[in-house]
Amino acid sequence: MSKVIIGLTNPKSPTNVGAVLRAAGCFGANKIIYTGNRYDIAKKHYTDTQSAIEFVEMHKVDDFLSEKNDDIKLVCVDLVEGAVPLPSFQHPEKAMYLFGPEDGSLKQEMIDNADHVVYMPTNGSLNLAQSVNVVLYDRLAKSQQFETDNELVRSSRDVNNRLKV
């Protein structure tokens, strides 16, 4: 059974965290964990437009590694020399994806403890929420375990959208 945990390192932007929550809900991530205090200060302003907080577990932790079971692979996502480019990466069935803060990088300790280190081959760095969305989409696209019928389209689209091909 697939399990996906998103780890955010000291996130500062409530807008980014709200967008990560939305991505987690859309792509079926099970849990979001975060470290640091900046989000706690700013979270009253966050945006979770699809109420993903109701079905995606989210909580603060002191240490990512203490939250990881042995059967879950640690995947660090950052611009790291020697990392595997995301298009070449094969996602593990059970993974904890760690992302650095908006204004910094992951700690070397996390890189040293990672089962995999991945980067996105972009010109410049992506925003935190964009990075999470890209990684989760890549995981879904490579899994071949997605709905291919119109029922998903009907249940996911906005009430004002009734387009057909």
C-alpha atoms as a PDB file:
ATOM      1  CA  MET A   1       0.000   0.000   0.000  1.00  0.00           C
ATOM      2  CA  SER A   2       1.356   3.391  -1.013  1.00  0.00           C
ATOM      3  CA  LYS A   3       2.188   5.895   1.707  1.00  0.00           C
ATOM      4  CA  VAL A   4       3.372   9.461   1.168  1.00  0.00           C
ATOM      5  CA  ILE A   5       4.551  11.865   3.853  1.00  0.00           C
ATOM      6  CA  ILE A   6       5.569  15.422   3.008  1.00  0.00           C
ATOM      7  CA  GLY A   7       8.153  17.014   5.325  1.00  0.00           C
ATOM      8  CA  LEU A   8       8.534  20.804   5.270  1.00  0.00           C
ATOM      9  CA  THR A   9      11.607  22.315   6.894  1.00  0.00           C
ATOM     10  CA  ASN A  10      10.681  25.451   8.873  1.00  0.00           C
ATOM     11  CA  PRO A  11       8.182  26.782   6.306  1.00  0.00           C
ATOM     12  CA  LYS A  12       7.501  30.495   6.571  1.00  0.00           C
ATOM     13  CA  SER A  13       4.736  31.215   4.094  1.00  0.00           C
ATOM     14  CA  PRO A  14       1.157  30.298   4.995  1.00  0.00           C
ATOM     15  CA  THR A  15       0.269  30.600   1.309  1.00  0.00           C
ATOM     16  CA  ASN A  16       2.876  27.974   0.413  1.00  0.00           C
ATOM     17  CA  VAL A  17       1.737  25.633   3.173  1.00  0.00           C
ATOM     18  CA  GLY A  18      -1.887  26.064   2.081  1.00  0.00           C
ATOM     19  CA  ALA A  19      -0.870  25.176  -1.481  1.00  0.00           C
ATOM     20  CA  VAL A  20       1.066  22.151  -0.187  1.00  0.00           C
ATOM     21  CA  LEU A  21      -2.072  21.043   1.674  1.00  0.00           C
ATOM     22  CA  ARG A  22      -4.072  21.353  -1.521  1.00  0.00           C
ATOM     23  CA  ALA A  23      -1.453  19.341  -3.452  1.00  0.00           C
ATOM     24  CA  ALA A  24      -1.449  16.670  -0.742  1.00  0.00           C
ATOM     25  CA  GLY A  25      -5.215  16.379  -1.028  1.00  0.00           C
ATOM     26  CA  CYS A  26      -5.218  16.311  -4.833  1.00  0.00           C
ATOM     27  CA  PHE A  27      -2.401  13.772  -5.166  1.00  0.00           C
ATOM     28  CA  GLY A  28      -3.320  11.571  -2.190  1.00  0.00           C
ATOM     29  CA  ALA A  29      -0.477  12.250   0.244  1.00  0.00           C
ATOM     30  CA  ASN A  30      -1.226  10.863   3.696  1.00  0.00           C
ATOM     31  CA  LYS A  31       0.485  13.324   5.992  1.00  0.00           C
ATOM     32  CA  ILE A  32       2.356  16.628   6.163  1.00  0.00           C
ATOM     33  CA  ILE A  33       4.855  17.246   8.923  1.00  0.00           C
ATOM     34  CA  TYR A  34       6.864  20.384   9.507  1.00  0.00           C
ATOM     35  CA  THR A  35       9.597  21.736  11.753  1.00  0.00           C
ATOM     36  CA  GLY A  36      10.304  25.210  13.066  1.00  0.00           C
ATOM     37  CA  ASN A  37       8.147  28.026  14.415  1.00  0.00           C
ATOM     38  CA  ARG A  38       7.625  30.375  11.480  1.00  0.00           C
ATOM     39  CA  TYR A  39       4.527  28.624  10.137  1.00  0.00           C
ATOM     40  CA  ASP A  40       2.892  28.504  13.584  1.00  0.00           C
ATOM     41  CA  ILE A  41       3.177  32.291  13.754  1.00  0.00           C
ATOM     42  CA  ALA A  42       1.794  32.820  10.235  1.00  0.00           C
ATOM     43  CA  LYS A  43      -0.732  29.983   9.885  1.00  0.00           C
ATOM     44  CA  LYS A  44      -3.786  32.013  10.781  1.00  0.00           C
ATOM     45  CA  HIS A  45      -3.384  33.532   7.312  1.00  0.00           C
ATOM     46  CA  TYR A  46      -2.997  30.293   5.334  1.00  0.00           C
ATOM     47  CA  THR A  47      -5.016  29.282   2.327  1.00  0.00           C
ATOM     48  CA  ASP A  48      -6.491  25.785   2.122  1.00  0.00           C
ATOM     49  CA  THR A  49      -9.143  26.339  -0.510  1.00  0.00           C
ATOM     50  CA  GLN A  50     -10.222  22.693  -0.705  1.00  0.00           C
ATOM     51  CA  SER A  51     -10.241  21.979   3.051  1.00  0.00           C
ATOM     52  CA  ALA A  52      -7.566  19.296   2.679  1.00  0.00           C
ATOM     53  CA  ILE A  53      -6.748  19.759   6.372  1.00  0.00           C
ATOM     54  CA  GLU A  54      -9.888  17.728   7.057  1.00  0.00           C
ATOM     55  CA  PHE A  55      -8.434  14.547   5.495  1.00  0.00           C
ATOM     56  CA  VAL A  56      -4.659  15.096   5.326  1.00  0.00           C
ATOM     57  CA  GLU A  57      -2.988  14.762   8.703  1.00  0.00           C
ATOM     58  CA  MET A  58      -0.725  17.731   9.484  1.00  0.00           C
ATOM     59  CA  HIS A  59       1.356  18.419  12.553  1.00  0.00           C
ATOM     60  CA  LYS A  60       4.581  19.937  13.825  1.00  0.00           C
ATOM     61  CA  VAL A  61       7.516  17.693  14.724  1.00  0.00           C
ATOM     62  CA  ASP A  62      10.888  18.294  16.341  1.00  0.00           C
ATOM     63  CA  ASP A  63      12.743  15.752  14.230  1.00  0.00           C
ATOM     64  CA  PHE A  64      11.818  14.275  10.842  1.00  0.00           C
ATOM     65  CA  LEU A  65      13.849  11.093  11.362  1.00  0.00           C
ATOM     66  CA  SER A  66      11.938  10.167  14.523  1.00  0.00           C
ATOM     67  CA  GLU A  67       8.718  10.223  12.442  1.00  0.00           C
ATOM     68  CA  LYS A  68       9.998   7.778   9.814  1.00  0.00           C
ATOM     69  CA  ASN A  69       9.326   4.047  10.089  1.00  0.00           C
ATOM     70  CA  ASP A  70      11.947   1.650   8.749  1.00  0.00           C
ATOM     71  CA  ASP A  71       9.795   0.679   5.761  1.00  0.00           C
ATOM     72  CA  ILE A  72       9.535   4.293   4.550  1.00  0.00           C
ATOM     73  CA  LYS A  73      12.296   5.651   2.303  1.00  0.00           C
ATOM     74  CA  LEU A  74      13.650   9.127   3.009  1.00  0.00           C
ATOM     75  CA  VAL A  75      13.747  11.206  -0.199  1.00  0.00           C
ATOM     76  CA  CYS A  76      15.403  14.627   0.080  1.00  0.00           C
ATOM     77  CA  VAL A  77      14.401  17.103  -2.629  1.00  0.00           C
ATOM     78  CA  ASP A  78      16.828  19.982  -3.052  1.00  0.00           C
ATOM     79  CA  LEU A  79      19.445  21.390  -5.403  1.00  0.00           C
ATOM     80  CA  VAL A  80      22.284  19.125  -4.255  1.00  0.00           C
ATOM     81  CA  GLU A  81      25.416  18.227  -6.190  1.00  0.00           C
ATOM     82  CA  GLY A  82      25.360  14.537  -7.046  1.00  0.00           C
ATOM     83  CA  ALA A  83      21.563  14.222  -6.689  1.00  0.00           C
ATOM     84  CA  VAL A  84      19.437  12.281  -9.170  1.00  0.00           C
ATOM     85  CA  PRO A  85      17.371  14.384 -11.593  1.00  0.00           C
ATOM     86  CA  LEU A  86      13.639  13.927 -10.947  1.00  0.00           C
ATOM     87  CA  PRO A  87      12.833  12.713 -14.501  1.00  0.00           C
ATOM     88  CA  SER A  88      15.193   9.733 -13.917  1.00  0.00           C
ATOM     89  CA  PHE A  89      13.997   8.953 -10.387  1.00  0.00           C
ATOM     90  CA  GLN A  90      11.868   5.901  -9.563  1.00  0.00           C
ATOM     91  CA  HIS A  91       9.674   6.701  -6.568  1.00  0.00           C
ATOM     92  CA  PRO A  92       9.509   4.174  -3.716  1.00  0.00           C
ATOM     93  CA  GLU A  93       6.059   2.894  -2.759  1.00  0.00           C
ATOM     94  CA  LYS A  94       6.409   4.328   0.757  1.00  0.00           C
ATOM     95  CA  ALA A  95       8.264   7.629   0.948  1.00  0.00           C
ATOM     96  CA  MET A  96       8.872  10.629   3.140  1.00  0.00           C
ATOM     97  CA  TYR A  97       9.756  13.551   0.872  1.00  0.00           C
ATOM     98  CA  LEU A  98      11.711  16.309   2.639  1.00  0.00           C
ATOM     99  CA  PHE A  99      11.796  19.837   1.267  1.00  0.00           C
ATOM    100  CA  GLY A 100      14.006  22.680   2.473  1.00  0.00           C
ATOM    101  CA  PRO A 101      12.734  26.058   3.665  1.00  0.00           C
ATOM    102  CA  GLU A 102      11.747  28.764   1.175  1.00  0.00           C
ATOM    103  CA  ASP A 103      14.900  30.706   2.019  1.00  0.00           C
ATOM    104  CA  GLY A 104      17.465  27.957   2.547  1.00  0.00           C
ATOM    105  CA  SER A 105      18.434  24.334   2.051  1.00  0.00           C
ATOM    106  CA  LEU A 106      18.057  21.045   3.844  1.00  0.00           C
ATOM    107  CA  LYS A 107      20.636  20.298   6.522  1.00  0.00           C
ATOM    108  CA  GLN A 108      23.564  18.068   5.598  1.00  0.00           C
ATOM    109  CA  GLU A 109      22.392  15.613   8.285  1.00  0.00           C
ATOM    110  CA  MET A 110      19.187  15.014   6.305  1.00  0.00           C
ATOM    111  CA  ILE A 111      21.129  14.481   3.078  1.00  0.00           C
ATOM    112  CA  ASP A 112      23.473  12.067   4.867  1.00  0.00           C
ATOM    113  CA  ASN A 113      20.496  10.036   6.187  1.00  0.00           C
ATOM    114  CA  ALA A 114      18.567  10.019   2.913  1.00  0.00           C
ATOM    115  CA  ASP A 115      17.832   6.884   0.936  1.00  0.00           C
ATOM    116  CA  HIS A 116      17.544   9.084  -2.169  1.00  0.00           C
ATOM    117  CA  VAL A 117      18.437  12.691  -3.000  1.00  0.00           C
ATOM    118  CA  VAL A 118      16.582  14.215  -5.940  1.00  0.00           C
ATOM    119  CA  TYR A 119      16.661  17.560  -7.706  1.00  0.00           C
ATOM    120  CA  MET A 120      14.475  19.167 -10.345  1.00  0.00           C
ATOM    121  CA  PRO A 121      16.529  20.182 -13.387  1.00  0.00           C
ATOM    122  CA  THR A 122      15.222  23.744 -13.622  1.00  0.00           C
ATOM    123  CA  ASN A 123      16.928  27.040 -14.335  1.00  0.00           C
ATOM    124  CA  GLY A 124      16.785  28.481 -10.836  1.00  0.00           C
ATOM    125  CA  SER A 125      14.830  27.125  -7.902  1.00  0.00           C
ATOM    126  CA  LEU A 126      11.092  26.612  -7.696  1.00  0.00           C
ATOM    127  CA  ASN A 127       8.871  27.895  -4.927  1.00  0.00           C
ATOM    128  CA  LEU A 128       8.228  25.391  -2.099  1.00  0.00           C
ATOM    129  CA  ALA A 129       4.611  24.661  -3.038  1.00  0.00           C
ATOM    130  CA  GLN A 130       5.505  24.357  -6.717  1.00  0.00           C
ATOM    131  CA  SER A 131       8.236  21.864  -5.844  1.00  0.00           C
ATOM    132  CA  VAL A 132       5.844  19.697  -3.834  1.00  0.00           C
ATOM    133  CA  ASN A 133       3.306  19.770  -6.679  1.00  0.00           C
ATOM    134  CA  VAL A 134       5.907  18.768  -9.271  1.00  0.00           C
ATOM    135  CA  VAL A 135       7.232  15.869  -7.163  1.00  0.00           C
ATOM    136  CA  LEU A 136       3.749  14.557  -6.349  1.00  0.00           C
ATOM    137  CA  TYR A 137       2.664  14.841  -9.988  1.00  0.00           C
ATOM    138  CA  ASP A 138       5.827  13.040 -11.127  1.00  0.00           C
ATOM    139  CA  ARG A 139       5.078  10.278  -8.636  1.00  0.00           C
ATOM    140  CA  LEU A 140       1.511   9.922  -9.929  1.00  0.00           C
ATOM    141  CA  ALA A 141       2.515  10.048 -13.607  1.00  0.00           C
ATOM    142  CA  LYS A 142       5.118   7.312 -13.165  1.00  0.00           C
ATOM    143  CA  SER A 143       2.830   5.098 -11.074  1.00  0.00           C
ATOM    144  CA  GLN A 144       0.231   4.407 -13.770  1.00  0.00           C
ATOM    145  CA  GLN A 145      -2.278   4.126 -10.893  1.00  0.00           C
ATOM    146  CA  PHE A 146      -4.585   6.968 -11.761  1.00  0.00           C
ATOM    147  CA  GLU A 147      -8.207   7.198 -12.838  1.00  0.00           C
ATOM    148  CA  THR A 148      -8.760   7.333 -16.579  1.00  0.00           C
ATOM    149  CA  ASP A 149     -12.526   7.677 -16.769  1.00  0.00           C
ATOM    150  CA  ASN A 150     -14.810  10.680 -16.817  1.00  0.00           C
ATOM    151  CA  GLU A 151     -16.106  10.108 -13.280  1.00  0.00           C
ATOM    152  CA  LEU A 152     -12.921  11.579 -11.800  1.00  0.00           C
ATOM    153  CA  VAL A 153     -13.240  14.597 -14.108  1.00  0.00           C
ATOM    154  CA  ARG A 154     -16.862  15.108 -13.063  1.00  0.00           C
ATOM    155  CA  SER A 155     -16.126  14.820  -9.350  1.00  0.00           C
ATOM    156  CA  SER A 156     -13.034  17.048  -9.448  1.00  0.00           C
ATOM    157  CA  ARG A 157     -14.045  19.994 -11.597  1.00  0.00           C
ATOM    158  CA  ASP A 158     -15.653  23.236 -10.537  1.00  0.00           C
ATOM    159  CA  VAL A 159     -19.462  23.472 -10.667  1.00  0.00           C
ATOM    160  CA  ASN A 160     -19.186  26.035 -13.475  1.00  0.00           C
ATOM    161  CA  ASN A 161     -17.184  23.674 -15.691  1.00  0.00           C
ATOM    162  CA  ARG A 162     -19.281  21.420 -17.920  1.00  0.00           C
ATOM    163  CA  LEU A 163     -16.848  21.109 -20.850  1.00  0.00           C
ATOM    164  CA  LYS A 164     -16.700  17.954 -22.986  1.00  0.00           C
ATOM    165  CA  VAL A 165     -14.515  16.719 -25.814  1.00  0.00           C
END
